Amino acid sequence: MAQMTPATAATAATPAAQESPLLSVQDLRVWFELRKWGFSLVGYVRAVDGVSFDLARGEAIAIVGESGCGKSSLMKTILGLHRPREGRILFEGRDISAEGRAGLRWYRMQVGYVQQDPYGALPPFMSVQRILEEPLVLAGVKNRQERRERIFRALEEVKMSPPEDFLDKFPHMLSGGQQQRVVIARAIIREPKLVVADEPVSMLDASVRVEILGLLRQVQEQHNLAVIYVTHDLSTVRYFSERIFVMYAGKIVEKAPVRELLHNPSHPYTRALLAAIPDPEAENARKLRKVPPGEPPSLVKPPPGCRFHPRCPEAIHGLCDKEEPPEFDVNSGHLTACWLYR
């Protein structure tokens, strides 16, 4: 095996490092207080614990991992809904994690959000026109004709044509796919530079998922949007993202371009995620899948060393259970936090 070195400068090989990044997350830690009876502090839930990455303008990345790994906490902190305990979030070089109310308002005007549940994300008492007009009013677009033109343009971009047929409809009058298209239209109507999509297709029928992901990709390329796609489903990332970040127990354990990671996964946890993807072949579906034993660790008292070592079939005794692994450069731009590549 070729000798690997810690990836102290390996991010230079990634697209995000070739120019000044739009978003830079630096050693981010998001801990939630755990109190007994609501008073005495008994510990912290370490939902995000030392996450770093850069996102270039116009780049689409996917953050994947099982439920409880910290994906949603990371996403909400990037959106400005949580304050980090440590670390920084830089947007166009501006430290968002230290901004006050005025700075966060400016930042949120630059960011769109696509929620997981479209029906829960859309106010049931508002028509499509009012839903899409509200963010424009908040952004200070006072001209009514301009607002109407931007609403029409956004609906056409998400393939809801003719727009006149949808303006007066309420969310319950739309299909699940149409509701998600309205959510996407609302996310892009202010012409943001970054869109965070939180499992945007998990609530949709399988026949609609690829269509919605294709639509998101088309909108992203048309507007040169940077997109963070949060999902637990590795089978969908190939349709959308350029790089994949795999999270486990509050940490990113592997970063790689999509094709590289899907064909050459290096971290044992990533290989376990890929093995869990359903196989449509009937013969393969009957075979027992090799999945790691046990459960994800408690984020209140995570294990020492590598957090995956209690479940890892390749753990090195005396190393993986004692020392936290740094990132190693497995291939150009393919980084993994695993002692197997030391």
Protein backbone atom coordinates (compact mmCIF):
# COMPACT_ATOMS: atom_id res chain seq x y z
CA MET A 1 0.00 0.00 0.00
CA ALA A 2 1.33 3.44 -0.90
CA GLN A 3 2.27 5.59 2.05
CA MET A 4 -0.46 8.07 3.03
CA THR A 5 0.10 11.37 4.82
CA PRO A 6 -2.34 13.48 6.83
CA ALA A 7 -4.24 15.80 4.54
CA THR A 8 -3.08 19.08 5.98
CA ALA A 9 -3.05 20.68 2.54
CA ALA A 10 -5.11 18.17 0.61
CA THR A 11 -8.10 20.46 0.29
CA ALA A 12 -6.10 22.35 -2.33
CA ALA A 13 -7.10 19.56 -4.71
CA THR A 14 -10.80 20.19 -4.23
CA PRO A 15 -12.87 22.62 -6.31
CA ALA A 16 -13.70 24.69 -3.23
CA ALA A 17 -10.06 25.52 -2.58
CA GLN A 18 -9.08 26.66 -6.09
CA GLU A 19 -10.69 30.05 -5.49
CA SER A 20 -12.01 32.02 -2.56
CA PRO A 21 -14.85 29.85 -1.23
CA LEU A 22 -18.39 31.13 -0.94
CA LEU A 23 -18.84 29.29 2.37
CA SER A 24 -16.13 28.11 4.73
CA VAL A 25 -16.96 26.02 7.81
CA GLN A 26 -14.01 25.93 10.18
CA ASP A 27 -13.73 23.47 13.09
CA LEU A 28 -17.43 23.88 13.88
CA ARG A 29 -18.80 22.55 17.16
CA VAL A 30 -22.50 22.63 18.05
CA TRP A 31 -23.23 21.31 21.54
CA PHE A 32 -26.64 21.35 23.20
CA GLU A 33 -26.96 21.60 26.97
CA LEU A 34 -28.42 18.61 28.79
CA ARG A 35 -30.08 19.64 32.04
CA LYS A 36 -31.75 17.67 34.82
CA TRP A 37 -35.24 18.92 35.60
CA GLY A 38 -34.43 21.91 33.43
CA PHE A 39 -31.94 23.35 35.93
CA SER A 40 -28.64 21.61 36.75
CA LEU A 41 -26.29 21.03 33.82
CA VAL A 42 -25.39 17.34 33.49
CA GLY A 43 -23.62 17.35 30.13
CA TYR A 44 -23.74 18.25 26.47
CA VAL A 45 -25.08 16.60 23.33
CA ARG A 46 -22.19 16.97 20.89
CA ALA A 47 -24.29 17.09 17.72
CA VAL A 48 -21.50 18.60 15.59
CA ASP A 49 -17.98 18.16 16.88
CA GLY A 50 -15.17 19.57 14.75
CA VAL A 51 -16.51 19.82 11.19
CA SER A 52 -14.59 21.72 8.49
CA PHE A 53 -15.18 22.13 4.75
CA ASP A 54 -15.25 24.73 1.98
CA LEU A 55 -17.98 25.25 -0.60
CA ALA A 56 -17.21 26.98 -3.89
CA ARG A 57 -19.57 29.25 -5.79
CA GLY A 58 -21.87 27.18 -7.98
CA GLU A 59 -20.82 23.89 -6.39
CA ALA A 60 -23.24 21.20 -5.17
CA ILE A 61 -22.22 18.98 -2.27
CA ALA A 62 -24.08 16.24 -0.41
CA ILE A 63 -23.87 15.61 3.34
CA VAL A 64 -24.93 12.03 4.03
CA GLY A 65 -25.25 9.83 7.09
CA GLU A 66 -27.77 7.91 9.15
CA SER A 67 -30.34 9.54 11.42
CA GLY A 68 -28.78 11.20 14.47
CA CYS A 69 -25.35 11.75 12.92
CA GLY A 70 -25.60 15.55 13.13
CA LYS A 71 -26.62 16.45 9.56
CA SER A 72 -29.64 18.54 10.53
CA SER A 73 -27.81 20.32 13.37
CA LEU A 74 -25.00 21.21 10.97
CA MET A 75 -27.49 22.44 8.37
CA LYS A 76 -29.46 24.56 10.87
CA THR A 77 -26.24 26.11 12.17
CA ILE A 78 -25.23 27.02 8.62
CA LEU A 79 -28.66 28.60 8.19
CA GLY A 80 -28.08 30.67 11.33
CA LEU A 81 -30.75 28.93 13.40
CA HIS A 82 -28.22 27.61 15.95
CA ARG A 83 -25.20 29.38 17.39
CA PRO A 84 -21.99 27.33 17.35
CA ARG A 85 -20.17 26.63 20.58
CA GLU A 86 -16.82 26.87 18.79
CA GLY A 87 -15.57 27.40 15.26
CA ARG A 88 -16.56 29.80 12.51
CA ILE A 89 -18.85 29.98 9.49
CA LEU A 90 -17.51 32.38 6.86
CA PHE A 91 -19.78 33.52 4.03
CA GLU A 92 -17.93 35.57 1.42
CA GLY A 93 -15.26 36.07 4.08
CA ARG A 94 -17.74 37.42 6.63
CA ASP A 95 -17.97 35.60 9.98
CA ILE A 96 -21.67 34.76 10.19
CA SER A 97 -21.31 32.92 13.48
CA ALA A 98 -20.40 36.22 15.18
CA GLU A 99 -23.02 38.42 13.49
CA GLY A 100 -25.83 40.19 15.28
CA ARG A 101 -29.43 40.46 14.14
CA ALA A 102 -28.72 42.87 11.26
CA GLY A 103 -25.88 40.73 9.92
CA LEU A 104 -27.95 37.55 10.12
CA ARG A 105 -30.78 39.28 8.25
CA TRP A 106 -28.37 40.18 5.44
CA TYR A 107 -27.02 36.62 5.40
CA ARG A 108 -30.43 34.99 5.28
CA MET A 109 -31.30 37.06 2.24
CA GLN A 110 -28.38 35.30 0.50
CA VAL A 111 -29.52 31.79 1.46
CA GLY A 112 -32.51 29.72 0.31
CA TYR A 113 -33.95 26.77 2.20
CA VAL A 114 -35.76 23.73 0.78
CA GLN A 115 -37.50 21.81 3.57
CA GLN A 116 -38.03 18.08 3.82
CA ASP A 117 -41.83 18.07 4.16
CA PRO A 118 -43.37 20.38 1.53
CA TYR A 119 -46.87 20.25 2.97
CA GLY A 120 -45.64 21.19 6.45
CA ALA A 121 -43.40 23.91 5.00
CA LEU A 122 -46.21 25.74 3.15
CA PRO A 123 -48.77 27.82 5.12
CA PRO A 124 -52.15 26.15 4.46
CA PHE A 125 -54.03 29.47 4.66
CA MET A 126 -51.93 31.21 1.98
CA SER A 127 -52.25 30.91 -1.79
CA VAL A 128 -49.23 30.15 -3.98
CA GLN A 129 -49.06 33.81 -4.96
CA ARG A 130 -48.93 34.98 -1.33
CA ILE A 131 -46.41 32.28 -0.41
CA LEU A 132 -44.03 33.45 -3.13
CA GLU A 133 -44.72 37.15 -2.63
CA GLU A 134 -43.90 37.16 1.09
CA PRO A 135 -40.08 36.70 0.74
CA LEU A 136 -40.00 39.48 -1.86
CA VAL A 137 -41.83 41.84 0.49
CA LEU A 138 -39.39 40.96 3.28
CA ALA A 139 -36.51 41.63 0.87
CA GLY A 140 -37.87 45.14 0.24
CA VAL A 141 -39.24 44.68 -3.29
CA LYS A 142 -41.96 47.37 -3.18
CA ASN A 143 -43.05 47.43 -6.81
CA ARG A 144 -46.08 45.14 -7.15
CA GLN A 145 -45.54 44.57 -10.87
CA GLU A 146 -41.93 43.56 -10.29
CA ARG A 147 -43.03 41.09 -7.59
CA ARG A 148 -45.58 39.57 -9.94
CA GLU A 149 -43.02 39.20 -12.75
CA ARG A 150 -40.56 37.47 -10.40
CA ILE A 151 -43.28 35.12 -9.15
CA PHE A 152 -44.16 34.18 -12.73
CA ARG A 153 -40.50 33.64 -13.59
CA ALA A 154 -39.90 31.46 -10.53
CA LEU A 155 -42.95 29.26 -11.27
CA GLU A 156 -41.85 28.81 -14.86
CA GLU A 157 -38.35 27.82 -13.74
CA VAL A 158 -39.77 25.04 -11.56
CA LYS A 159 -41.97 23.83 -14.47
CA MET A 160 -45.32 25.06 -13.13
CA SER A 161 -46.73 26.47 -16.34
CA PRO A 162 -48.75 28.41 -17.08
CA PRO A 163 -48.22 30.25 -13.78
CA GLU A 164 -51.72 31.72 -13.87
CA ASP A 165 -53.16 28.26 -13.21
CA PHE A 166 -51.37 27.99 -9.85
CA LEU A 167 -51.38 31.50 -8.35
CA ASP A 168 -54.75 31.18 -6.57
CA LYS A 169 -54.33 27.59 -5.45
CA PHE A 170 -53.68 26.58 -1.85
CA PRO A 171 -51.17 23.87 -0.80
CA HIS A 172 -53.84 21.20 -0.24
CA MET A 173 -54.91 21.62 -3.87
CA LEU A 174 -51.47 20.60 -5.15
CA SER A 175 -49.79 17.21 -5.46
CA GLY A 176 -46.71 16.41 -3.36
CA GLY A 177 -44.42 17.08 -6.31
CA GLN A 178 -46.12 20.40 -7.05
CA GLN A 179 -45.84 21.42 -3.39
CA GLN A 180 -42.11 20.75 -3.45
CA ARG A 181 -41.78 22.79 -6.64
CA VAL A 182 -43.41 25.73 -4.84
CA VAL A 183 -40.94 25.27 -1.96
CA ILE A 184 -38.06 25.35 -4.46
CA ALA A 185 -39.54 28.43 -6.16
CA ARG A 186 -39.75 30.17 -2.77
CA ALA A 187 -36.12 29.25 -2.04
CA ILE A 188 -34.80 30.78 -5.28
CA ILE A 189 -37.14 33.74 -5.76
CA ARG A 190 -34.80 36.17 -3.95
CA GLU A 191 -31.93 35.00 -6.18
CA PRO A 192 -29.74 33.66 -3.35
CA LYS A 193 -26.14 32.52 -3.68
CA LEU A 194 -26.57 29.40 -1.52
CA VAL A 195 -29.44 26.91 -1.17
CA VAL A 196 -29.64 24.34 1.63
CA ALA A 197 -31.87 21.37 0.71
CA ASP A 198 -32.81 19.21 3.71
CA GLU A 199 -33.75 15.77 2.33
CA PRO A 200 -35.91 17.46 -0.35
CA VAL A 201 -37.19 14.20 -1.89
CA SER A 202 -37.58 11.85 1.08
CA MET A 203 -41.32 12.63 1.42
CA LEU A 204 -42.04 12.13 -2.29
CA ASP A 205 -42.97 9.08 -4.34
CA ALA A 206 -40.04 7.24 -5.90
CA SER A 207 -41.24 8.18 -9.40
CA VAL A 208 -41.02 11.90 -8.55
CA ARG A 209 -37.67 11.93 -6.72
CA VAL A 210 -35.32 11.88 -9.70
CA GLU A 211 -37.50 14.47 -11.45
CA ILE A 212 -37.28 16.89 -8.51
CA LEU A 213 -33.52 16.33 -8.13
CA GLY A 214 -33.09 16.96 -11.86
CA LEU A 215 -35.10 20.15 -11.51
CA LEU A 216 -32.93 21.30 -8.59
CA ARG A 217 -29.80 20.58 -10.62
CA GLN A 218 -31.16 22.55 -13.58
CA VAL A 219 -32.02 25.55 -11.38
CA GLN A 220 -28.60 25.33 -9.71
CA GLU A 221 -26.75 25.42 -13.01
CA GLN A 222 -28.97 28.16 -14.43
CA HIS A 223 -28.35 30.50 -11.48
CA ASN A 224 -24.84 29.29 -10.57
CA LEU A 225 -26.10 28.40 -7.09
CA ALA A 226 -24.07 26.71 -4.42
CA VAL A 227 -26.15 23.89 -2.94
CA ILE A 228 -25.82 21.79 0.21
CA TYR A 229 -27.90 18.64 -0.24
CA VAL A 230 -28.57 16.89 3.09
CA THR A 231 -29.70 13.27 2.85
CA HIS A 232 -29.43 9.80 4.37
CA ASP A 233 -29.88 8.16 0.96
CA LEU A 234 -26.64 7.58 -0.93
CA SER A 235 -28.58 6.24 -3.92
CA THR A 236 -29.77 9.76 -4.87
CA VAL A 237 -26.54 11.75 -4.59
CA ARG A 238 -25.21 10.64 -7.97
CA TYR A 239 -28.01 12.59 -9.67
CA PHE A 240 -27.14 15.88 -8.06
CA SER A 241 -23.89 16.46 -6.20
CA GLU A 242 -20.27 16.92 -7.18
CA ARG A 243 -18.74 15.98 -3.83
CA ILE A 244 -19.98 13.85 -0.92
CA PHE A 245 -19.23 14.38 2.77
CA VAL A 246 -20.07 11.39 4.98
CA MET A 247 -20.99 12.16 8.61
CA TYR A 248 -20.92 9.83 11.58
CA ALA A 249 -21.57 10.76 15.24
CA GLY A 250 -21.04 14.49 14.72
CA LYS A 251 -17.93 14.24 12.53
CA ILE A 252 -17.18 14.08 8.81
CA VAL A 253 -15.33 10.80 8.22
CA GLU A 254 -14.90 10.93 4.44
CA LYS A 255 -14.87 13.55 1.67
CA ALA A 256 -14.61 12.72 -2.01
CA PRO A 257 -15.96 13.47 -5.48
CA VAL A 258 -19.17 11.54 -6.12
CA ARG A 259 -17.84 9.03 -8.64
CA GLU A 260 -14.70 8.38 -6.60
CA LEU A 261 -16.60 7.75 -3.38
CA LEU A 262 -19.25 5.51 -4.94
CA HIS A 263 -16.66 3.36 -6.73
CA ASN A 264 -13.85 3.49 -4.19
CA PRO A 265 -15.21 4.07 -0.66
CA SER A 266 -12.38 4.09 1.86
CA HIS A 267 -13.93 4.47 5.31
CA PRO A 268 -15.56 1.31 6.75
CA TYR A 269 -18.67 3.32 7.65
CA THR A 270 -19.05 4.57 4.07
CA ARG A 271 -18.77 1.01 2.80
CA ALA A 272 -21.50 -0.01 5.25
CA LEU A 273 -23.78 2.78 3.98
CA LEU A 274 -23.27 1.68 0.38
CA ALA A 275 -23.96 -1.94 1.30
CA ALA A 276 -27.29 -0.88 2.81
CA ILE A 277 -28.62 0.60 -0.46
CA PRO A 278 -31.58 -1.56 -1.63
CA ASP A 279 -30.80 -3.78 -4.61
CA PRO A 280 -33.61 -4.14 -7.20
CA GLU A 281 -32.31 -7.54 -8.29
CA ALA A 282 -34.46 -10.24 -6.66
CA GLU A 283 -31.56 -12.67 -6.24
CA ASN A 284 -29.37 -10.08 -4.53
CA ALA A 285 -32.24 -8.89 -2.34
CA ARG A 286 -32.42 -12.33 -0.70
CA LYS A 287 -28.76 -12.25 0.31
CA LEU A 288 -27.88 -11.19 3.83
CA ARG A 289 -26.20 -7.82 3.95
CA LYS A 290 -23.09 -7.29 6.03
CA VAL A 291 -23.97 -4.40 8.31
CA PRO A 292 -21.92 -3.17 11.29
CA PRO A 293 -23.08 -4.58 14.64
CA GLY A 294 -24.41 -2.38 17.40
CA GLU A 295 -25.85 1.12 17.35
CA PRO A 296 -24.45 4.61 16.77
CA PRO A 297 -22.76 5.94 19.93
CA SER A 298 -24.28 8.37 22.39
CA LEU A 299 -23.41 11.95 21.51
CA VAL A 300 -23.46 12.77 25.21
CA LYS A 301 -20.53 10.43 25.95
CA PRO A 302 -18.95 9.52 22.61
CA PRO A 303 -16.28 6.80 22.66
CA PRO A 304 -12.60 7.83 22.67
CA GLY A 305 -10.54 7.63 19.52
CA CYS A 306 -12.43 6.97 16.31
CA ARG A 307 -16.13 7.13 17.06
CA PHE A 308 -16.85 4.24 14.70
CA HIS A 309 -14.36 1.85 16.29
CA PRO A 310 -16.89 -0.01 18.54
CA ARG A 311 -18.73 -1.14 15.39
CA CYS A 312 -15.82 -1.33 12.97
CA PRO A 313 -14.73 -4.81 11.79
CA GLU A 314 -11.30 -3.41 10.83
CA ALA A 315 -10.55 -1.48 14.03
CA ILE A 316 -6.90 -1.52 15.15
CA HIS A 317 -6.72 -2.31 18.86
CA GLY A 318 -4.68 0.21 20.82
CA LEU A 319 -4.94 2.85 18.11
CA CYS A 320 -8.50 3.31 16.85
CA ASP A 321 -9.88 3.05 20.39
CA LYS A 322 -7.44 5.62 21.81
CA GLU A 323 -6.51 8.27 19.24
CA GLU A 324 -8.83 10.26 17.01
CA PRO A 325 -7.68 9.87 13.38
CA PRO A 326 -6.76 12.92 11.29
CA GLU A 327 -7.76 13.20 7.64
CA PHE A 328 -5.56 11.18 5.29
CA ASP A 329 -5.31 11.80 1.54
CA VAL A 330 -6.33 8.48 -0.04
CA ASN A 331 -6.40 9.88 -3.56
CA SER A 332 -6.23 13.39 -4.97
CA GLY A 333 -9.15 15.16 -3.28
CA HIS A 334 -10.35 11.97 -1.56
CA LEU A 335 -9.93 12.39 2.20
CA THR A 336 -10.78 9.94 4.96
CA ALA A 337 -10.45 10.06 8.74
CA CYS A 338 -9.34 6.47 9.26
CA TRP A 339 -6.17 4.95 10.72
CA LEU A 340 -6.21 2.24 8.03
CA TYR A 341 -4.60 4.82 5.70
CA ARG A 342 -1.89 6.08 8.06
